[in-house]
Amino acid sequence: MAQMPDGDPAPLNGLLPESAAEGLSQRTLHAYLHIPFCRVRCGYCDYNTYTSSELQGETQNSFLDNLLREISFSKNVLQQLSSQHRKFSTVFFGGGTPSLLPAHDLGRVIAAIKARNGLAADCEITLEANPDSVTAEKLTEYLHVGFNRISFGMQSAKPHVLAALDRTHNPANVEKAITMARAAGFESISVDLIYGTPGESLQDWQETVEAALSLDIDHISAYALIVETGTKLAAQIKRGDLTMPNDDLMADMYLLVDQ
């Protein structure tokens, strides 16, 4: 039997233990909503995501209905922790690929959070998106339903690195997507990068970082690639089809982007 982590046991009624309320009045509140749908599963990904062939009868609508029920439940959880009503400072829709869902569906979720839990006046509401999954019309719709920040999964500017990651977008489409997002009215735009992909050189990584810095963006997140057990990437490495960069190269990549 697996050993439970240290801490109070979770109450059987689904609420949080009383210890979760410690220091709550001094903390801001934030919400992460996981949208687990993808057109294609990337080889390195071990997130809870599903392609259309893996849904086994579930639909996006049934998922959204369940998500709305969870939002209602979250209000009860927060009320149980504190009598002080506090609004969310940030809301982040991650995935998966949240931008695969129509804007009006995601808008239902934002509206439910606002109605049940409340949003701060300056609440930052972020949508994760693949560069190929947006159009000018969709971006305008996302703004209309309440999003004010967007984060694009750029990962790399080098086609051979994207291929190793099973990313399907054309690198040139990143700039196009950002230009459309800015034109639509997004004031905050971010890109995600991954370093340490098999076959990626330090020069490749430098060109990716320079390409990202040349874009009309406000923020960059850079992640070291981790080989997760059970993924396609892990199997490719185990067979010897791909080789991960050594630790020294990974460190150099980290230092480069940090500088």
C-alpha atoms as a PDB file:
ATOM      1  CA  MET A   1       0.000   0.000   0.000  1.00  0.00           C
ATOM      2  CA  ALA A   2       1.377   3.408  -0.998  1.00  0.00           C
ATOM      3  CA  GLN A   3       2.304   5.698   1.884  1.00  0.00           C
ATOM      4  CA  MET A   4       0.199   8.838   2.090  1.00  0.00           C
ATOM      5  CA  PRO A   5       2.045  12.198   2.070  1.00  0.00           C
ATOM      6  CA  ASP A   6       2.538  14.112   5.303  1.00  0.00           C
ATOM      7  CA  GLY A   7      -0.305  16.366   6.367  1.00  0.00           C
ATOM      8  CA  ASP A   8      -3.909  16.219   7.438  1.00  0.00           C
ATOM      9  CA  PRO A   9      -6.051  13.544   5.792  1.00  0.00           C
ATOM     10  CA  ALA A  10      -8.551  14.858   3.258  1.00  0.00           C
ATOM     11  CA  PRO A  11     -12.032  15.034   4.821  1.00  0.00           C
ATOM     12  CA  LEU A  12     -14.455  12.454   3.462  1.00  0.00           C
ATOM     13  CA  ASN A  13     -16.938  15.195   2.498  1.00  0.00           C
ATOM     14  CA  GLY A  14     -14.582  16.454  -0.229  1.00  0.00           C
ATOM     15  CA  LEU A  15     -13.734  19.698   1.546  1.00  0.00           C
ATOM     16  CA  LEU A  16     -10.236  20.787   2.587  1.00  0.00           C
ATOM     17  CA  PRO A  17      -8.704  20.221   6.028  1.00  0.00           C
ATOM     18  CA  GLU A  18      -8.882  23.138   8.451  1.00  0.00           C
ATOM     19  CA  SER A  19      -5.117  23.636   8.171  1.00  0.00           C
ATOM     20  CA  ALA A  20      -5.641  24.887   4.607  1.00  0.00           C
ATOM     21  CA  ALA A  21      -7.137  28.067   6.059  1.00  0.00           C
ATOM     22  CA  GLU A  22      -3.892  29.031   7.824  1.00  0.00           C
ATOM     23  CA  GLY A  23      -2.695  32.370   6.508  1.00  0.00           C
ATOM     24  CA  LEU A  24      -5.518  32.473   3.954  1.00  0.00           C
ATOM     25  CA  SER A  25      -6.374  36.087   4.709  1.00  0.00           C
ATOM     26  CA  GLN A  26      -2.843  37.131   3.691  1.00  0.00           C
ATOM     27  CA  ARG A  27      -2.857  35.170   0.411  1.00  0.00           C
ATOM     28  CA  THR A  28      -4.309  36.038  -2.969  1.00  0.00           C
ATOM     29  CA  LEU A  29      -6.524  33.471  -4.673  1.00  0.00           C
ATOM     30  CA  HIS A  30      -5.837  31.982  -8.094  1.00  0.00           C
ATOM     31  CA  ALA A  31      -7.622  29.430 -10.275  1.00  0.00           C
ATOM     32  CA  TYR A  32      -6.156  26.929 -12.743  1.00  0.00           C
ATOM     33  CA  LEU A  33      -8.585  25.181 -15.087  1.00  0.00           C
ATOM     34  CA  HIS A  34      -7.308  22.188 -17.025  1.00  0.00           C
ATOM     35  CA  ILE A  35      -8.800  21.632 -20.491  1.00  0.00           C
ATOM     36  CA  PRO A  36      -7.590  18.143 -21.470  1.00  0.00           C
ATOM     37  CA  PHE A  37      -8.214  18.081 -25.228  1.00  0.00           C
ATOM     38  CA  CYS A  38      -5.543  17.885 -27.946  1.00  0.00           C
ATOM     39  CA  ARG A  39      -5.585  17.207 -31.685  1.00  0.00           C
ATOM     40  CA  VAL A  40      -2.282  15.312 -31.422  1.00  0.00           C
ATOM     41  CA  ARG A  41      -0.411  13.980 -28.397  1.00  0.00           C
ATOM     42  CA  CYS A  42       3.146  15.314 -28.276  1.00  0.00           C
ATOM     43  CA  GLY A  43       5.782  12.636 -27.714  1.00  0.00           C
ATOM     44  CA  TYR A  44       7.119  14.173 -24.494  1.00  0.00           C
ATOM     45  CA  CYS A  45       3.746  14.871 -22.879  1.00  0.00           C
ATOM     46  CA  ASP A  46       2.475  12.955 -19.848  1.00  0.00           C
ATOM     47  CA  TYR A  47      -0.247  15.458 -18.950  1.00  0.00           C
ATOM     48  CA  ASN A  48      -3.834  14.380 -18.505  1.00  0.00           C
ATOM     49  CA  THR A  49      -4.887  14.957 -22.126  1.00  0.00           C
ATOM     50  CA  TYR A  50      -7.033  13.153 -24.683  1.00  0.00           C
ATOM     51  CA  THR A  51      -7.208  13.099 -28.461  1.00  0.00           C
ATOM     52  CA  SER A  52     -10.559  12.487 -30.179  1.00  0.00           C
ATOM     53  CA  SER A  53      -9.881   8.740 -30.448  1.00  0.00           C
ATOM     54  CA  GLU A  54      -9.281   8.447 -26.687  1.00  0.00           C
ATOM     55  CA  LEU A  55     -12.450  10.068 -25.347  1.00  0.00           C
ATOM     56  CA  GLN A  56     -14.449   6.795 -25.155  1.00  0.00           C
ATOM     57  CA  GLY A  57     -17.842   8.411 -25.468  1.00  0.00           C
ATOM     58  CA  GLU A  58     -17.102  11.533 -23.458  1.00  0.00           C
ATOM     59  CA  THR A  59     -17.641  14.877 -25.165  1.00  0.00           C
ATOM     60  CA  GLN A  60     -16.378  18.394 -24.721  1.00  0.00           C
ATOM     61  CA  ASN A  61     -19.889  19.410 -23.636  1.00  0.00           C
ATOM     62  CA  SER A  62     -20.051  16.763 -20.901  1.00  0.00           C
ATOM     63  CA  PHE A  63     -16.611  17.840 -19.689  1.00  0.00           C
ATOM     64  CA  LEU A  64     -17.715  21.467 -19.512  1.00  0.00           C
ATOM     65  CA  ASP A  65     -20.874  20.524 -17.609  1.00  0.00           C
ATOM     66  CA  ASN A  66     -18.747  18.682 -15.043  1.00  0.00           C
ATOM     67  CA  LEU A  67     -16.306  21.590 -14.856  1.00  0.00           C
ATOM     68  CA  LEU A  68     -19.161  23.983 -14.094  1.00  0.00           C
ATOM     69  CA  ARG A  69     -20.281  21.670 -11.276  1.00  0.00           C
ATOM     70  CA  GLU A  70     -16.732  21.699  -9.889  1.00  0.00           C
ATOM     71  CA  ILE A  71     -16.755  25.507  -9.932  1.00  0.00           C
ATOM     72  CA  SER A  72     -19.972  25.507  -7.900  1.00  0.00           C
ATOM     73  CA  PHE A  73     -18.382  23.093  -5.450  1.00  0.00           C
ATOM     74  CA  SER A  74     -15.262  25.253  -5.173  1.00  0.00           C
ATOM     75  CA  LYS A  75     -17.389  28.097  -3.817  1.00  0.00           C
ATOM     76  CA  ASN A  76     -18.546  25.833  -0.998  1.00  0.00           C
ATOM     77  CA  VAL A  77     -14.948  24.807  -0.306  1.00  0.00           C
ATOM     78  CA  LEU A  78     -13.796  28.425  -0.033  1.00  0.00           C
ATOM     79  CA  GLN A  79     -16.742  29.365   2.176  1.00  0.00           C
ATOM     80  CA  GLN A  80     -15.922  26.445   4.461  1.00  0.00           C
ATOM     81  CA  LEU A  81     -12.355  27.717   4.834  1.00  0.00           C
ATOM     82  CA  SER A  82     -13.142  31.358   5.510  1.00  0.00           C
ATOM     83  CA  SER A  83     -16.164  33.543   6.093  1.00  0.00           C
ATOM     84  CA  GLN A  84     -14.346  36.362   4.292  1.00  0.00           C
ATOM     85  CA  HIS A  85     -15.378  36.523   0.641  1.00  0.00           C
ATOM     86  CA  ARG A  86     -12.316  36.940  -1.538  1.00  0.00           C
ATOM     87  CA  LYS A  87     -12.125  37.137  -5.311  1.00  0.00           C
ATOM     88  CA  PHE A  88      -9.689  35.466  -7.669  1.00  0.00           C
ATOM     89  CA  SER A  89      -6.675  37.531  -8.757  1.00  0.00           C
ATOM     90  CA  THR A  90      -5.768  35.320 -11.724  1.00  0.00           C
ATOM     91  CA  VAL A  91      -7.455  32.579 -13.744  1.00  0.00           C
ATOM     92  CA  PHE A  92      -5.400  30.349 -16.048  1.00  0.00           C
ATOM     93  CA  PHE A  93      -6.848  27.985 -18.662  1.00  0.00           C
ATOM     94  CA  GLY A  94      -4.178  25.376 -19.440  1.00  0.00           C
ATOM     95  CA  GLY A  95      -4.105  21.988 -21.064  1.00  0.00           C
ATOM     96  CA  GLY A  96      -4.192  20.255 -23.287  1.00  0.00           C
ATOM     97  CA  THR A  97      -5.162  22.865 -25.836  1.00  0.00           C
ATOM     98  CA  PRO A  98      -7.863  25.155 -24.404  1.00  0.00           C
ATOM     99  CA  SER A  99      -7.999  27.104 -27.683  1.00  0.00           C
ATOM    100  CA  LEU A 100      -9.595  24.046 -29.332  1.00  0.00           C
ATOM    101  CA  LEU A 101     -12.804  24.913 -27.472  1.00  0.00           C
ATOM    102  CA  PRO A 102     -15.131  27.599 -28.845  1.00  0.00           C
ATOM    103  CA  ALA A 103     -14.838  30.948 -27.134  1.00  0.00           C
ATOM    104  CA  HIS A 104     -18.472  30.924 -25.984  1.00  0.00           C
ATOM    105  CA  ASP A 105     -17.904  27.637 -24.105  1.00  0.00           C
ATOM    106  CA  LEU A 106     -14.864  28.993 -22.287  1.00  0.00           C
ATOM    107  CA  GLY A 107     -16.859  32.165 -21.676  1.00  0.00           C
ATOM    108  CA  ARG A 108     -19.450  30.065 -19.817  1.00  0.00           C
ATOM    109  CA  VAL A 109     -16.695  28.952 -17.468  1.00  0.00           C
ATOM    110  CA  ILE A 110     -15.412  32.487 -16.878  1.00  0.00           C
ATOM    111  CA  ALA A 111     -18.963  33.680 -16.228  1.00  0.00           C
ATOM    112  CA  ALA A 112     -19.519  30.861 -13.733  1.00  0.00           C
ATOM    113  CA  ILE A 113     -16.351  31.733 -11.806  1.00  0.00           C
ATOM    114  CA  LYS A 114     -17.347  35.399 -11.752  1.00  0.00           C
ATOM    115  CA  ALA A 115     -20.882  34.605 -10.577  1.00  0.00           C
ATOM    116  CA  ARG A 116     -19.998  32.009  -7.955  1.00  0.00           C
ATOM    117  CA  ASN A 117     -16.560  33.022  -6.679  1.00  0.00           C
ATOM    118  CA  GLY A 118     -15.929  36.508  -8.017  1.00  0.00           C
ATOM    119  CA  LEU A 119     -13.082  38.068 -10.014  1.00  0.00           C
ATOM    120  CA  ALA A 120     -10.896  40.971  -8.904  1.00  0.00           C
ATOM    121  CA  ALA A 121     -11.300  44.136 -10.961  1.00  0.00           C
ATOM    122  CA  ASP A 122      -7.810  43.675 -12.414  1.00  0.00           C
ATOM    123  CA  CYS A 123      -8.046  39.879 -12.699  1.00  0.00           C
ATOM    124  CA  GLU A 124      -5.630  38.390 -15.234  1.00  0.00           C
ATOM    125  CA  ILE A 125      -7.386  35.680 -17.289  1.00  0.00           C
ATOM    126  CA  THR A 126      -4.996  33.631 -19.435  1.00  0.00           C
ATOM    127  CA  LEU A 127      -5.641  31.271 -22.330  1.00  0.00           C
ATOM    128  CA  GLU A 128      -3.006  28.756 -23.456  1.00  0.00           C
ATOM    129  CA  ALA A 129      -3.017  28.291 -27.226  1.00  0.00           C
ATOM    130  CA  ASN A 130      -1.133  26.573 -30.006  1.00  0.00           C
ATOM    131  CA  PRO A 131      -0.081  28.965 -32.784  1.00  0.00           C
ATOM    132  CA  ASP A 132      -2.025  26.953 -35.381  1.00  0.00           C
ATOM    133  CA  SER A 133      -5.226  26.792 -33.318  1.00  0.00           C
ATOM    134  CA  VAL A 134      -6.207  30.482 -33.492  1.00  0.00           C
ATOM    135  CA  THR A 135      -7.607  32.837 -36.085  1.00  0.00           C
ATOM    136  CA  ALA A 136      -8.171  36.591 -35.967  1.00  0.00           C
ATOM    137  CA  GLU A 137     -11.891  35.951 -35.466  1.00  0.00           C
ATOM    138  CA  LYS A 138     -11.354  33.457 -32.634  1.00  0.00           C
ATOM    139  CA  LEU A 139      -8.928  35.787 -30.856  1.00  0.00           C
ATOM    140  CA  THR A 140     -11.475  38.604 -30.939  1.00  0.00           C
ATOM    141  CA  GLU A 141     -14.077  36.218 -29.529  1.00  0.00           C
ATOM    142  CA  TYR A 142     -11.749  35.152 -26.701  1.00  0.00           C
ATOM    143  CA  LEU A 143     -11.287  38.779 -25.721  1.00  0.00           C
ATOM    144  CA  HIS A 144     -15.037  39.335 -25.848  1.00  0.00           C
ATOM    145  CA  VAL A 145     -15.758  36.518 -23.365  1.00  0.00           C
ATOM    146  CA  GLY A 146     -13.207  37.797 -20.850  1.00  0.00           C
ATOM    147  CA  PHE A 147      -9.658  36.705 -21.643  1.00  0.00           C
ATOM    148  CA  ASN A 148      -7.020  39.448 -21.428  1.00  0.00           C
ATOM    149  CA  ARG A 149      -3.797  37.405 -21.638  1.00  0.00           C
ATOM    150  CA  ILE A 150      -2.698  34.664 -24.052  1.00  0.00           C
ATOM    151  CA  SER A 151       0.236  32.249 -23.896  1.00  0.00           C
ATOM    152  CA  PHE A 152       1.405  30.569 -27.101  1.00  0.00           C
ATOM    153  CA  GLY A 153       3.253  27.241 -27.150  1.00  0.00           C
ATOM    154  CA  MET A 154       6.209  28.264 -29.309  1.00  0.00           C
ATOM    155  CA  GLN A 155       8.684  25.690 -27.835  1.00  0.00           C
ATOM    156  CA  SER A 156      11.335  26.241 -30.547  1.00  0.00           C
ATOM    157  CA  ALA A 157      12.099  28.254 -33.668  1.00  0.00           C
ATOM    158  CA  LYS A 158      13.864  25.276 -35.288  1.00  0.00           C
ATOM    159  CA  PRO A 159      11.776  22.857 -37.401  1.00  0.00           C
ATOM    160  CA  HIS A 160      13.896  19.800 -36.541  1.00  0.00           C
ATOM    161  CA  VAL A 161      13.484  20.473 -32.817  1.00  0.00           C
ATOM    162  CA  LEU A 162       9.716  20.843 -33.184  1.00  0.00           C
ATOM    163  CA  ALA A 163       9.673  17.572 -35.124  1.00  0.00           C
ATOM    164  CA  ALA A 164      11.491  15.776 -32.306  1.00  0.00           C
ATOM    165  CA  LEU A 165       8.852  17.097 -29.893  1.00  0.00           C
ATOM    166  CA  ASP A 166       5.977  16.113 -32.234  1.00  0.00           C
ATOM    167  CA  ARG A 167       4.884  19.731 -32.375  1.00  0.00           C
ATOM    168  CA  THR A 168       2.900  20.307 -35.547  1.00  0.00           C
ATOM    169  CA  HIS A 169       2.997  24.065 -36.057  1.00  0.00           C
ATOM    170  CA  ASN A 170       5.102  25.969 -38.562  1.00  0.00           C
ATOM    171  CA  PRO A 171       7.578  28.208 -36.674  1.00  0.00           C
ATOM    172  CA  ALA A 172       6.573  31.156 -38.868  1.00  0.00           C
ATOM    173  CA  ASN A 173       3.013  30.893 -37.555  1.00  0.00           C
ATOM    174  CA  VAL A 174       4.100  31.956 -34.073  1.00  0.00           C
ATOM    175  CA  GLU A 175       4.758  35.520 -35.188  1.00  0.00           C
ATOM    176  CA  LYS A 176       1.529  35.521 -37.213  1.00  0.00           C
ATOM    177  CA  ALA A 177      -0.477  34.389 -34.191  1.00  0.00           C
ATOM    178  CA  ILE A 178       1.135  37.020 -31.974  1.00  0.00           C
ATOM    179  CA  THR A 179       0.484  39.756 -34.532  1.00  0.00           C
ATOM    180  CA  MET A 180      -3.178  38.714 -34.727  1.00  0.00           C
ATOM    181  CA  ALA A 181      -3.470  38.602 -30.935  1.00  0.00           C
ATOM    182  CA  ARG A 182      -2.012  42.085 -30.572  1.00  0.00           C
ATOM    183  CA  ALA A 183      -4.268  43.424 -33.318  1.00  0.00           C
ATOM    184  CA  ALA A 184      -7.283  41.852 -31.626  1.00  0.00           C
ATOM    185  CA  GLY A 185      -6.458  43.773 -28.449  1.00  0.00           C
ATOM    186  CA  PHE A 186      -4.554  41.403 -26.163  1.00  0.00           C
ATOM    187  CA  GLU A 187      -2.378  43.564 -23.929  1.00  0.00           C
ATOM    188  CA  SER A 188      -0.383  40.683 -22.449  1.00  0.00           C
ATOM    189  CA  ILE A 189       1.152  37.981 -24.654  1.00  0.00           C
ATOM    190  CA  SER A 190       3.549  35.217 -23.601  1.00  0.00           C
ATOM    191  CA  VAL A 191       5.372  32.334 -25.268  1.00  0.00           C
ATOM    192  CA  ASP A 192       6.516  29.001 -23.835  1.00  0.00           C
ATOM    193  CA  LEU A 193       9.914  27.571 -24.814  1.00  0.00           C
ATOM    194  CA  ILE A 194      11.449  24.130 -24.175  1.00  0.00           C
ATOM    195  CA  TYR A 195      15.176  23.477 -24.121  1.00  0.00           C
ATOM    196  CA  GLY A 196      17.168  20.248 -24.057  1.00  0.00           C
ATOM    197  CA  THR A 197      15.365  18.425 -26.875  1.00  0.00           C
ATOM    198  CA  PRO A 198      17.248  15.504 -28.481  1.00  0.00           C
ATOM    199  CA  GLY A 199      19.195  16.837 -31.447  1.00  0.00           C
ATOM    200  CA  GLU A 200      19.070  20.453 -30.264  1.00  0.00           C
ATOM    201  CA  SER A 201      22.422  22.246 -30.207  1.00  0.00           C
ATOM    202  CA  LEU A 202      23.362  25.276 -28.132  1.00  0.00           C
ATOM    203  CA  GLN A 203      23.267  27.304 -31.368  1.00  0.00           C
ATOM    204  CA  ASP A 204      19.741  26.041 -32.056  1.00  0.00           C
ATOM    205  CA  TRP A 205      18.673  27.154 -28.601  1.00  0.00           C
ATOM    206  CA  GLN A 206      20.323  30.554 -28.954  1.00  0.00           C
ATOM    207  CA  GLU A 207      18.493  31.141 -32.232  1.00  0.00           C
ATOM    208  CA  THR A 208      15.219  30.149 -30.583  1.00  0.00           C
ATOM    209  CA  VAL A 209      15.756  32.539 -27.679  1.00  0.00           C
ATOM    210  CA  GLU A 210      16.726  35.358 -30.040  1.00  0.00           C
ATOM    211  CA  ALA A 211      13.662  34.654 -32.178  1.00  0.00           C
ATOM    212  CA  ALA A 212      11.424  34.812 -29.095  1.00  0.00           C
ATOM    213  CA  LEU A 213      12.996  38.071 -27.926  1.00  0.00           C
ATOM    214  CA  SER A 214      12.347  39.622 -31.337  1.00  0.00           C
ATOM    215  CA  LEU A 215       8.592  39.030 -31.028  1.00  0.00           C
ATOM    216  CA  ASP A 216       6.033  41.551 -29.781  1.00  0.00           C
ATOM    217  CA  ILE A 217       5.540  39.780 -26.449  1.00  0.00           C
ATOM    218  CA  ASP A 218       5.603  40.610 -22.754  1.00  0.00           C
ATOM    219  CA  HIS A 219       6.792  37.374 -21.156  1.00  0.00           C
ATOM    220  CA  ILE A 220       8.757  34.183 -21.842  1.00  0.00           C
ATOM    221  CA  SER A 221       8.549  30.897 -19.934  1.00  0.00           C
ATOM    222  CA  ALA A 222      11.444  28.493 -20.575  1.00  0.00           C
ATOM    223  CA  TYR A 223      11.299  24.868 -19.438  1.00  0.00           C
ATOM    224  CA  ALA A 224      13.909  22.123 -19.465  1.00  0.00           C
ATOM    225  CA  LEU A 225      12.618  19.029 -21.237  1.00  0.00           C
ATOM    226  CA  ILE A 226      12.005  16.171 -18.809  1.00  0.00           C
ATOM    227  CA  VAL A 227      11.693  12.603 -20.049  1.00  0.00           C
ATOM    228  CA  GLU A 228       8.595  11.193 -18.368  1.00  0.00           C
ATOM    229  CA  THR A 229       8.095   7.436 -17.954  1.00  0.00           C
ATOM    230  CA  GLY A 230       5.515   5.979 -20.298  1.00  0.00           C
ATOM    231  CA  THR A 231       5.764   8.635 -22.985  1.00  0.00           C
ATOM    232  CA  LYS A 232       6.672   8.103 -26.632  1.00  0.00           C
ATOM    233  CA  LEU A 233       9.846  10.106 -26.047  1.00  0.00           C
ATOM    234  CA  ALA A 234      10.919   7.823 -23.205  1.00  0.00           C
ATOM    235  CA  ALA A 235      10.469   4.786 -25.454  1.00  0.00           C
ATOM    236  CA  GLN A 236      12.476   6.413 -28.256  1.00  0.00           C
ATOM    237  CA  ILE A 237      15.339   7.148 -25.871  1.00  0.00           C
ATOM    238  CA  LYS A 238      15.223   3.651 -24.376  1.00  0.00           C
ATOM    239  CA  ARG A 239      15.488   2.131 -27.875  1.00  0.00           C
ATOM    240  CA  GLY A 240      18.384   4.448 -28.722  1.00  0.00           C
ATOM    241  CA  ASP A 241      16.462   6.253 -31.464  1.00  0.00           C
ATOM    242  CA  LEU A 242      17.037   9.569 -29.685  1.00  0.00           C
ATOM    243  CA  THR A 243      19.666  10.791 -27.211  1.00  0.00           C
ATOM    244  CA  MET A 244      19.103  13.461 -24.600  1.00  0.00           C
ATOM    245  CA  PRO A 245      21.660  16.285 -24.306  1.00  0.00           C
ATOM    246  CA  ASN A 246      24.206  15.806 -21.533  1.00  0.00           C
ATOM    247  CA  ASP A 247      23.979  17.747 -18.280  1.00  0.00           C
ATOM    248  CA  ASP A 248      26.692  20.241 -19.267  1.00  0.00           C
ATOM    249  CA  LEU A 249      24.809  21.232 -22.421  1.00  0.00           C
ATOM    250  CA  MET A 250      21.557  21.518 -20.480  1.00  0.00           C
ATOM    251  CA  ALA A 251      23.301  23.791 -17.982  1.00  0.00           C
ATOM    252  CA  ASP A 252      24.692  25.948 -20.796  1.00  0.00           C
ATOM    253  CA  MET A 253      21.205  26.262 -22.262  1.00  0.00           C
ATOM    254  CA  TYR A 254      19.818  27.327 -18.904  1.00  0.00           C
ATOM    255  CA  LEU A 255      22.563  29.943 -18.455  1.00  0.00           C
ATOM    256  CA  LEU A 256      22.038  31.262 -21.969  1.00  0.00           C
ATOM    257  CA  VAL A 257      18.315  31.921 -21.544  1.00  0.00           C
ATOM    258  CA  ASP A 258      18.878  33.260 -18.023  1.00  0.00           C
ATOM    259  CA  GLN A 259      21.375  35.797 -19.357  1.00  0.00           C
END
